[in-house]
């Protein structure tokens, strides 16, 4: 069976082994493994490189249950690979912006990283102390 509708596999698959059959038999058009669920940059690079051999692109997960640190890591990853497809993006709640200084912007359907030192996000530890879950402290 063949479909002209692009098919993306969600974030439930998190290793190159999970994707092997889907990629080699070209059953999908996009891999959607989150960077933080898939073993980090090194493992995700292996999966993306393997997928690129079969002309399969990336469509990475980017919803708000991942921190701005994860999002900016994905943005850097996106521009470093040759089979980038699309980056999912959902804006964080305002409370997140109290703790994280985000050095990237979203405009006209594109995400831009500012040309400044660092990876593109800073954490204000003093403000994070107000929110124990952000700061890694037990609530209460």
N, C-alpha and C. Protein backbone atom coordinates (compact mmCIF):
# COMPACT_ATOMS: atom_id res chain seq x y z
N UNK A 1 0.84 -1.17 0.00
CA UNK A 1 0.00 0.00 0.00
C UNK A 1 0.89 1.23 0.00
N UNK A 2 0.45 2.29 -0.66
CA UNK A 2 1.21 3.53 -0.74
C UNK A 2 0.26 4.70 -0.50
N UNK A 3 0.76 5.71 0.15
CA UNK A 3 -0.04 6.89 0.42
C UNK A 3 0.73 8.13 -0.02
N UNK A 4 0.02 9.10 -0.55
CA UNK A 4 0.66 10.38 -0.91
C UNK A 4 0.66 11.33 0.28
N UNK A 5 -0.02 10.97 1.34
CA UNK A 5 -0.01 11.77 2.57
C UNK A 5 1.24 11.42 3.37
N UNK A 6 2.07 12.43 3.71
CA UNK A 6 3.27 12.12 4.49
C UNK A 6 2.92 11.50 5.84
N UNK A 7 3.69 10.52 6.23
CA UNK A 7 3.44 9.80 7.48
C UNK A 7 4.60 10.06 8.44
N UNK A 8 4.24 10.47 9.65
CA UNK A 8 5.23 10.69 10.71
C UNK A 8 4.90 9.76 11.86
N UNK A 9 5.93 9.18 12.43
CA UNK A 9 5.74 8.31 13.59
C UNK A 9 6.03 9.14 14.83
N UNK A 10 5.11 9.09 15.76
CA UNK A 10 5.19 9.90 16.97
C UNK A 10 6.35 9.51 17.87
N UNK A 11 6.43 10.19 18.99
CA UNK A 11 7.55 10.10 19.90
C UNK A 11 7.59 8.83 20.75
N UNK A 12 6.79 7.84 20.46
CA UNK A 12 6.81 6.60 21.23
C UNK A 12 7.97 5.70 20.83
N UNK A 13 8.60 5.96 19.71
CA UNK A 13 9.76 5.20 19.28
C UNK A 13 11.01 6.02 19.61
N UNK A 14 11.93 5.43 20.34
CA UNK A 14 13.03 6.23 20.86
C UNK A 14 14.43 5.66 20.63
N UNK A 15 14.55 4.64 19.78
CA UNK A 15 15.88 4.11 19.47
C UNK A 15 15.96 3.83 17.98
N UNK A 16 17.18 3.70 17.50
CA UNK A 16 17.37 3.36 16.09
C UNK A 16 16.77 1.99 15.81
N UNK A 17 16.76 1.13 16.80
CA UNK A 17 16.20 -0.22 16.63
C UNK A 17 14.68 -0.17 16.45
N UNK A 18 14.03 0.78 17.15
CA UNK A 18 12.58 0.95 16.97
C UNK A 18 12.24 1.37 15.54
N UNK A 19 13.12 2.13 14.93
CA UNK A 19 12.85 2.70 13.61
C UNK A 19 13.37 1.86 12.44
N UNK A 20 14.19 0.85 12.69
CA UNK A 20 14.89 0.15 11.62
C UNK A 20 13.97 -0.32 10.50
N UNK A 21 12.93 -1.06 10.80
CA UNK A 21 12.03 -1.57 9.76
C UNK A 21 11.28 -0.43 9.08
N UNK A 22 10.81 0.53 9.87
CA UNK A 22 10.07 1.66 9.30
C UNK A 22 10.92 2.45 8.31
N UNK A 23 12.20 2.60 8.63
CA UNK A 23 13.09 3.35 7.75
C UNK A 23 13.51 2.52 6.54
N UNK A 24 13.99 1.30 6.76
CA UNK A 24 14.51 0.52 5.64
C UNK A 24 13.44 0.13 4.64
N UNK A 25 12.21 0.00 5.09
CA UNK A 25 11.12 -0.31 4.16
C UNK A 25 10.40 0.95 3.71
N UNK A 26 10.93 2.10 4.09
CA UNK A 26 10.39 3.41 3.72
C UNK A 26 8.89 3.50 3.96
N UNK A 27 8.50 3.12 5.17
CA UNK A 27 7.09 3.15 5.56
C UNK A 27 6.68 4.49 6.16
N UNK A 28 7.66 5.34 6.43
CA UNK A 28 7.39 6.66 7.02
C UNK A 28 8.12 7.73 6.22
N UNK A 29 7.70 8.97 6.43
CA UNK A 29 8.35 10.11 5.79
C UNK A 29 9.11 10.98 6.79
N UNK A 30 8.71 10.90 8.07
CA UNK A 30 9.32 11.73 9.12
C UNK A 30 9.54 10.90 10.39
N UNK A 31 10.71 11.08 11.00
CA UNK A 31 10.93 10.54 12.33
C UNK A 31 10.62 11.65 13.33
N UNK A 32 10.02 11.29 14.47
CA UNK A 32 9.60 12.29 15.45
C UNK A 32 10.12 11.96 16.85
N UNK A 33 11.36 11.59 16.95
CA UNK A 33 11.93 11.23 18.24
C UNK A 33 12.37 12.49 18.99
N UNK A 34 11.90 12.67 20.22
CA UNK A 34 12.39 13.82 20.99
C UNK A 34 13.84 13.61 21.41
N UNK A 35 14.60 14.67 21.36
CA UNK A 35 16.01 14.61 21.73
C UNK A 35 16.20 14.05 23.14
N UNK A 36 15.39 14.47 24.07
CA UNK A 36 15.57 14.05 25.46
C UNK A 36 15.06 12.63 25.72
N UNK A 37 14.22 12.09 24.87
CA UNK A 37 13.73 10.73 25.05
C UNK A 37 14.57 9.72 24.28
N UNK A 38 15.30 10.19 23.31
CA UNK A 38 15.99 9.29 22.40
C UNK A 38 17.47 9.11 22.65
N UNK A 39 17.91 9.31 23.87
CA UNK A 39 19.32 9.06 24.16
C UNK A 39 20.24 10.22 23.90
N UNK A 40 19.68 11.40 23.68
CA UNK A 40 20.51 12.59 23.50
C UNK A 40 20.95 12.81 22.06
N UNK A 41 21.84 13.77 21.92
CA UNK A 41 22.28 14.23 20.60
C UNK A 41 22.98 13.11 19.82
N UNK A 42 23.85 12.37 20.47
CA UNK A 42 24.62 11.35 19.75
C UNK A 42 23.72 10.28 19.16
N UNK A 43 22.79 9.76 19.95
CA UNK A 43 21.92 8.71 19.43
C UNK A 43 20.95 9.26 18.37
N UNK A 44 20.41 10.44 18.62
CA UNK A 44 19.49 11.01 17.64
C UNK A 44 20.21 11.30 16.32
N UNK A 45 21.46 11.68 16.39
CA UNK A 45 22.24 11.88 15.16
C UNK A 45 22.38 10.57 14.39
N UNK A 46 22.55 9.47 15.08
CA UNK A 46 22.61 8.16 14.41
C UNK A 46 21.30 7.85 13.70
N UNK A 47 20.18 8.12 14.37
CA UNK A 47 18.87 7.84 13.78
C UNK A 47 18.63 8.76 12.58
N UNK A 48 18.93 10.04 12.73
CA UNK A 48 18.71 10.99 11.63
C UNK A 48 19.60 10.65 10.43
N UNK A 49 20.83 10.27 10.68
CA UNK A 49 21.75 9.90 9.59
C UNK A 49 21.26 8.64 8.88
N UNK A 50 20.85 7.66 9.65
CA UNK A 50 20.29 6.43 9.08
C UNK A 50 19.06 6.76 8.23
N UNK A 51 18.18 7.60 8.74
CA UNK A 51 16.96 7.98 7.99
C UNK A 51 17.30 8.73 6.72
N UNK A 52 18.34 9.55 6.75
CA UNK A 52 18.69 10.35 5.57
C UNK A 52 19.09 9.48 4.38
N UNK A 53 19.64 8.31 4.65
CA UNK A 53 20.01 7.38 3.57
C UNK A 53 18.77 6.99 2.76
N UNK A 54 17.63 6.95 3.43
CA UNK A 54 16.36 6.55 2.80
C UNK A 54 15.46 7.74 2.48
N UNK A 55 16.05 8.93 2.49
CA UNK A 55 15.32 10.16 2.17
C UNK A 55 14.15 10.40 3.12
N UNK A 56 14.33 10.06 4.38
CA UNK A 56 13.33 10.30 5.41
C UNK A 56 13.79 11.49 6.23
N UNK A 57 12.89 12.41 6.46
CA UNK A 57 13.21 13.66 7.14
C UNK A 57 12.86 13.60 8.62
N UNK A 58 13.21 14.67 9.31
CA UNK A 58 12.88 14.79 10.73
C UNK A 58 11.68 15.70 10.90
N UNK A 59 10.93 15.44 11.92
CA UNK A 59 9.79 16.27 12.30
C UNK A 59 9.72 16.24 13.81
N UNK A 60 10.66 16.89 14.46
CA UNK A 60 10.87 16.69 15.88
C UNK A 60 9.80 17.30 16.77
N UNK A 61 9.60 16.59 17.84
CA UNK A 61 8.67 16.91 18.92
C UNK A 61 9.12 18.22 19.57
N UNK A 62 8.18 19.11 19.88
CA UNK A 62 8.56 20.38 20.50
C UNK A 62 7.45 20.99 21.33
N UNK A 63 6.72 20.19 22.06
CA UNK A 63 5.62 20.74 22.86
C UNK A 63 6.13 21.17 24.23
N UNK A 64 5.24 21.75 25.00
CA UNK A 64 5.63 22.45 26.21
C UNK A 64 5.98 21.57 27.39
N UNK A 65 5.87 20.26 27.28
CA UNK A 65 6.34 19.43 28.39
C UNK A 65 7.86 19.29 28.35
N UNK A 66 8.49 19.80 27.30
CA UNK A 66 9.94 19.88 27.23
C UNK A 66 10.37 21.31 27.55
N UNK A 67 11.48 21.46 28.21
CA UNK A 67 11.93 22.78 28.63
C UNK A 67 12.49 23.58 27.46
N UNK A 68 12.65 24.90 27.65
CA UNK A 68 13.31 25.70 26.62
C UNK A 68 14.74 25.23 26.32
N UNK A 69 15.40 24.61 27.30
CA UNK A 69 16.74 24.06 27.05
C UNK A 69 16.66 22.96 26.01
N UNK A 70 15.67 22.10 26.14
CA UNK A 70 15.47 21.03 25.16
C UNK A 70 15.13 21.61 23.79
N UNK A 71 14.28 22.62 23.77
CA UNK A 71 13.89 23.23 22.49
C UNK A 71 15.09 23.83 21.77
N UNK A 72 15.92 24.55 22.48
CA UNK A 72 17.07 25.18 21.81
C UNK A 72 18.09 24.14 21.37
N UNK A 73 18.22 23.06 22.13
CA UNK A 73 19.09 21.96 21.69
C UNK A 73 18.57 21.37 20.39
N UNK A 74 17.24 21.21 20.29
CA UNK A 74 16.65 20.69 19.05
C UNK A 74 16.88 21.66 17.88
N UNK A 75 16.78 22.95 18.14
CA UNK A 75 17.00 23.93 17.07
C UNK A 75 18.43 23.84 16.53
N UNK A 76 19.39 23.72 17.43
CA UNK A 76 20.78 23.56 16.99
C UNK A 76 20.95 22.25 16.22
N UNK A 77 20.31 21.20 16.69
CA UNK A 77 20.38 19.91 16.01
C UNK A 77 19.77 20.02 14.61
N UNK A 78 18.61 20.68 14.53
CA UNK A 78 17.92 20.84 13.24
C UNK A 78 18.83 21.45 12.17
N UNK A 79 19.57 22.49 12.55
CA UNK A 79 20.39 23.17 11.53
C UNK A 79 21.69 22.43 11.24
N UNK A 80 21.98 21.39 12.02
CA UNK A 80 23.22 20.64 11.83
C UNK A 80 23.05 19.40 10.96
N UNK A 81 21.81 19.03 10.64
CA UNK A 81 21.60 17.80 9.86
C UNK A 81 21.11 18.14 8.46
N UNK A 82 21.31 17.22 7.54
CA UNK A 82 20.92 17.49 6.14
C UNK A 82 19.51 17.05 5.82
N UNK A 83 18.84 16.33 6.71
CA UNK A 83 17.48 15.86 6.41
C UNK A 83 16.45 16.48 7.36
N UNK A 84 16.72 17.71 7.79
CA UNK A 84 15.73 18.42 8.60
C UNK A 84 14.45 18.59 7.80
N UNK A 85 13.33 18.35 8.45
CA UNK A 85 12.03 18.50 7.79
C UNK A 85 11.22 19.63 8.40
N UNK A 86 10.85 19.46 9.67
CA UNK A 86 10.01 20.45 10.35
C UNK A 86 10.27 20.33 11.85
N UNK A 87 10.12 21.45 12.54
CA UNK A 87 10.27 21.45 13.99
C UNK A 87 8.95 21.89 14.61
N UNK A 88 8.36 21.00 15.37
CA UNK A 88 7.12 21.34 16.08
C UNK A 88 7.44 22.39 17.13
N UNK A 89 6.52 23.34 17.33
CA UNK A 89 6.74 24.38 18.34
C UNK A 89 5.41 24.78 18.96
N UNK A 90 5.43 24.86 20.27
CA UNK A 90 4.31 25.41 21.03
C UNK A 90 4.90 26.39 22.02
N UNK A 91 4.35 27.59 22.14
CA UNK A 91 4.92 28.56 23.09
C UNK A 91 4.72 28.11 24.53
N UNK A 92 5.71 28.43 25.35
CA UNK A 92 5.64 28.12 26.78
C UNK A 92 4.70 29.09 27.48
N UNK A 93 4.23 28.71 28.66
CA UNK A 93 3.44 29.61 29.48
C UNK A 93 4.34 30.73 30.00
N UNK A 94 3.76 31.88 30.34
CA UNK A 94 4.53 33.03 30.82
C UNK A 94 5.37 32.70 32.04
N UNK A 95 4.90 31.82 32.90
CA UNK A 95 5.66 31.46 34.10
C UNK A 95 7.03 30.88 33.74
N UNK A 96 7.12 30.19 32.62
CA UNK A 96 8.39 29.61 32.17
C UNK A 96 9.37 30.72 31.82
N UNK A 97 8.86 31.81 31.24
CA UNK A 97 9.73 32.92 30.86
C UNK A 97 10.28 33.68 32.06
N UNK A 98 9.68 33.47 33.23
CA UNK A 98 10.24 34.07 34.44
C UNK A 98 11.54 33.38 34.85
N UNK A 99 11.67 32.12 34.52
CA UNK A 99 12.83 31.33 34.92
C UNK A 99 13.86 31.24 33.79
N UNK A 100 13.40 31.10 32.56
CA UNK A 100 14.30 30.92 31.43
C UNK A 100 14.34 32.19 30.58
N UNK A 101 15.55 32.67 30.30
CA UNK A 101 15.72 33.76 29.33
C UNK A 101 15.97 33.09 27.99
N UNK A 102 15.01 33.21 27.12
CA UNK A 102 15.05 32.52 25.83
C UNK A 102 15.67 33.44 24.79
N UNK A 103 16.71 32.96 24.14
CA UNK A 103 17.43 33.75 23.15
C UNK A 103 17.15 33.26 21.74
N UNK A 104 15.88 32.96 21.50
CA UNK A 104 15.45 32.61 20.16
C UNK A 104 14.04 33.17 19.99
N UNK A 105 13.64 33.31 18.75
CA UNK A 105 12.32 33.88 18.49
C UNK A 105 11.60 33.08 17.42
N UNK A 106 10.30 33.25 17.40
CA UNK A 106 9.44 32.64 16.39
C UNK A 106 8.82 33.77 15.58
N UNK A 107 8.97 33.72 14.27
CA UNK A 107 8.42 34.78 13.42
C UNK A 107 8.08 34.21 12.05
N UNK A 108 6.85 34.45 11.61
CA UNK A 108 6.40 34.04 10.27
C UNK A 108 6.64 32.57 9.97
N UNK A 109 6.42 31.72 10.98
CA UNK A 109 6.56 30.30 10.77
C UNK A 109 7.98 29.77 10.90
N UNK A 110 8.93 30.63 11.26
CA UNK A 110 10.32 30.23 11.40
C UNK A 110 10.81 30.51 12.81
N UNK A 111 11.76 29.72 13.24
CA UNK A 111 12.40 29.90 14.54
C UNK A 111 13.82 30.38 14.27
N UNK A 112 14.22 31.46 14.96
CA UNK A 112 15.55 32.04 14.81
C UNK A 112 16.28 32.04 16.13
N UNK A 113 17.55 31.65 16.12
CA UNK A 113 18.40 31.71 17.30
C UNK A 113 19.23 32.98 17.18
N UNK A 114 19.23 33.79 18.24
CA UNK A 114 20.01 35.03 18.23
C UNK A 114 21.49 34.73 18.14
N UNK A 115 22.21 35.60 17.49
CA UNK A 115 23.65 35.45 17.30
C UNK A 115 24.39 36.02 18.51
N UNK A 116 24.31 35.30 19.63
CA UNK A 116 25.00 35.69 20.85
C UNK A 116 25.68 34.46 21.43
N UNK A 117 26.65 34.65 22.32
CA UNK A 117 27.31 33.47 22.91
C UNK A 117 26.33 32.59 23.68
N UNK A 118 26.62 31.31 23.72
CA UNK A 118 25.79 30.36 24.44
C UNK A 118 24.91 29.56 23.51
N UNK A 119 24.11 28.67 24.10
CA UNK A 119 23.28 27.80 23.28
C UNK A 119 21.95 28.44 22.89
N UNK A 120 21.55 29.50 23.58
CA UNK A 120 20.30 30.17 23.23
C UNK A 120 19.27 30.20 24.32
N UNK A 121 19.65 29.82 25.53
CA UNK A 121 18.74 29.91 26.67
C UNK A 121 19.58 30.00 27.95
N UNK A 122 19.16 30.84 28.85
CA UNK A 122 19.81 30.97 30.15
C UNK A 122 18.78 30.72 31.24
N UNK A 123 19.24 30.19 32.36
CA UNK A 123 18.36 29.91 33.49
C UNK A 123 18.66 30.90 34.60
N UNK A 124 17.62 31.60 35.07
CA UNK A 124 17.76 32.51 36.19
C UNK A 124 17.53 31.71 37.47
N UNK A 125 18.60 31.31 38.13
CA UNK A 125 18.48 30.43 39.29
C UNK A 125 17.77 31.09 40.46
N UNK A 126 17.93 32.40 40.62
CA UNK A 126 17.22 33.08 41.72
C UNK A 126 15.71 33.00 41.52
N UNK A 127 15.25 33.23 40.29
CA UNK A 127 13.81 33.12 40.02
C UNK A 127 13.34 31.67 40.09
N UNK A 128 14.20 30.75 39.70
CA UNK A 128 13.84 29.32 39.73
C UNK A 128 13.57 28.85 41.16
N UNK A 129 14.23 29.45 42.13
CA UNK A 129 14.02 29.06 43.52
C UNK A 129 12.59 29.29 43.97
N UNK A 130 11.89 30.19 43.31
CA UNK A 130 10.47 30.44 43.63
C UNK A 130 9.59 29.26 43.21
N UNK A 131 10.08 28.45 42.30
CA UNK A 131 9.31 27.35 41.74
C UNK A 131 10.07 26.06 41.98
N UNK A 132 9.83 25.36 43.07
CA UNK A 132 10.63 24.18 43.43
C UNK A 132 10.74 23.13 42.33
N UNK A 133 9.70 22.94 41.54
CA UNK A 133 9.78 21.92 40.49
C UNK A 133 10.77 22.30 39.40
N UNK A 134 10.91 23.62 39.14
CA UNK A 134 11.91 24.07 38.18
C UNK A 134 13.31 23.88 38.73
N UNK A 135 13.46 24.14 40.00
CA UNK A 135 14.79 24.20 40.61
C UNK A 135 15.27 22.85 41.12
N UNK A 136 14.44 21.83 41.03
CA UNK A 136 14.84 20.51 41.44
C UNK A 136 14.74 20.28 42.94
N UNK A 137 13.96 21.11 43.62
CA UNK A 137 13.76 20.97 45.05
C UNK A 137 12.38 20.38 45.30
N UNK A 138 12.22 19.59 46.33
CA UNK A 138 10.88 19.09 46.65
C UNK A 138 9.96 20.25 47.04
N UNK A 139 8.72 20.19 46.60
CA UNK A 139 7.75 21.24 46.95
C UNK A 139 7.39 21.14 48.43
N UNK A 140 7.11 22.27 49.03
CA UNK A 140 6.60 22.23 50.40
C UNK A 140 7.48 22.93 51.33
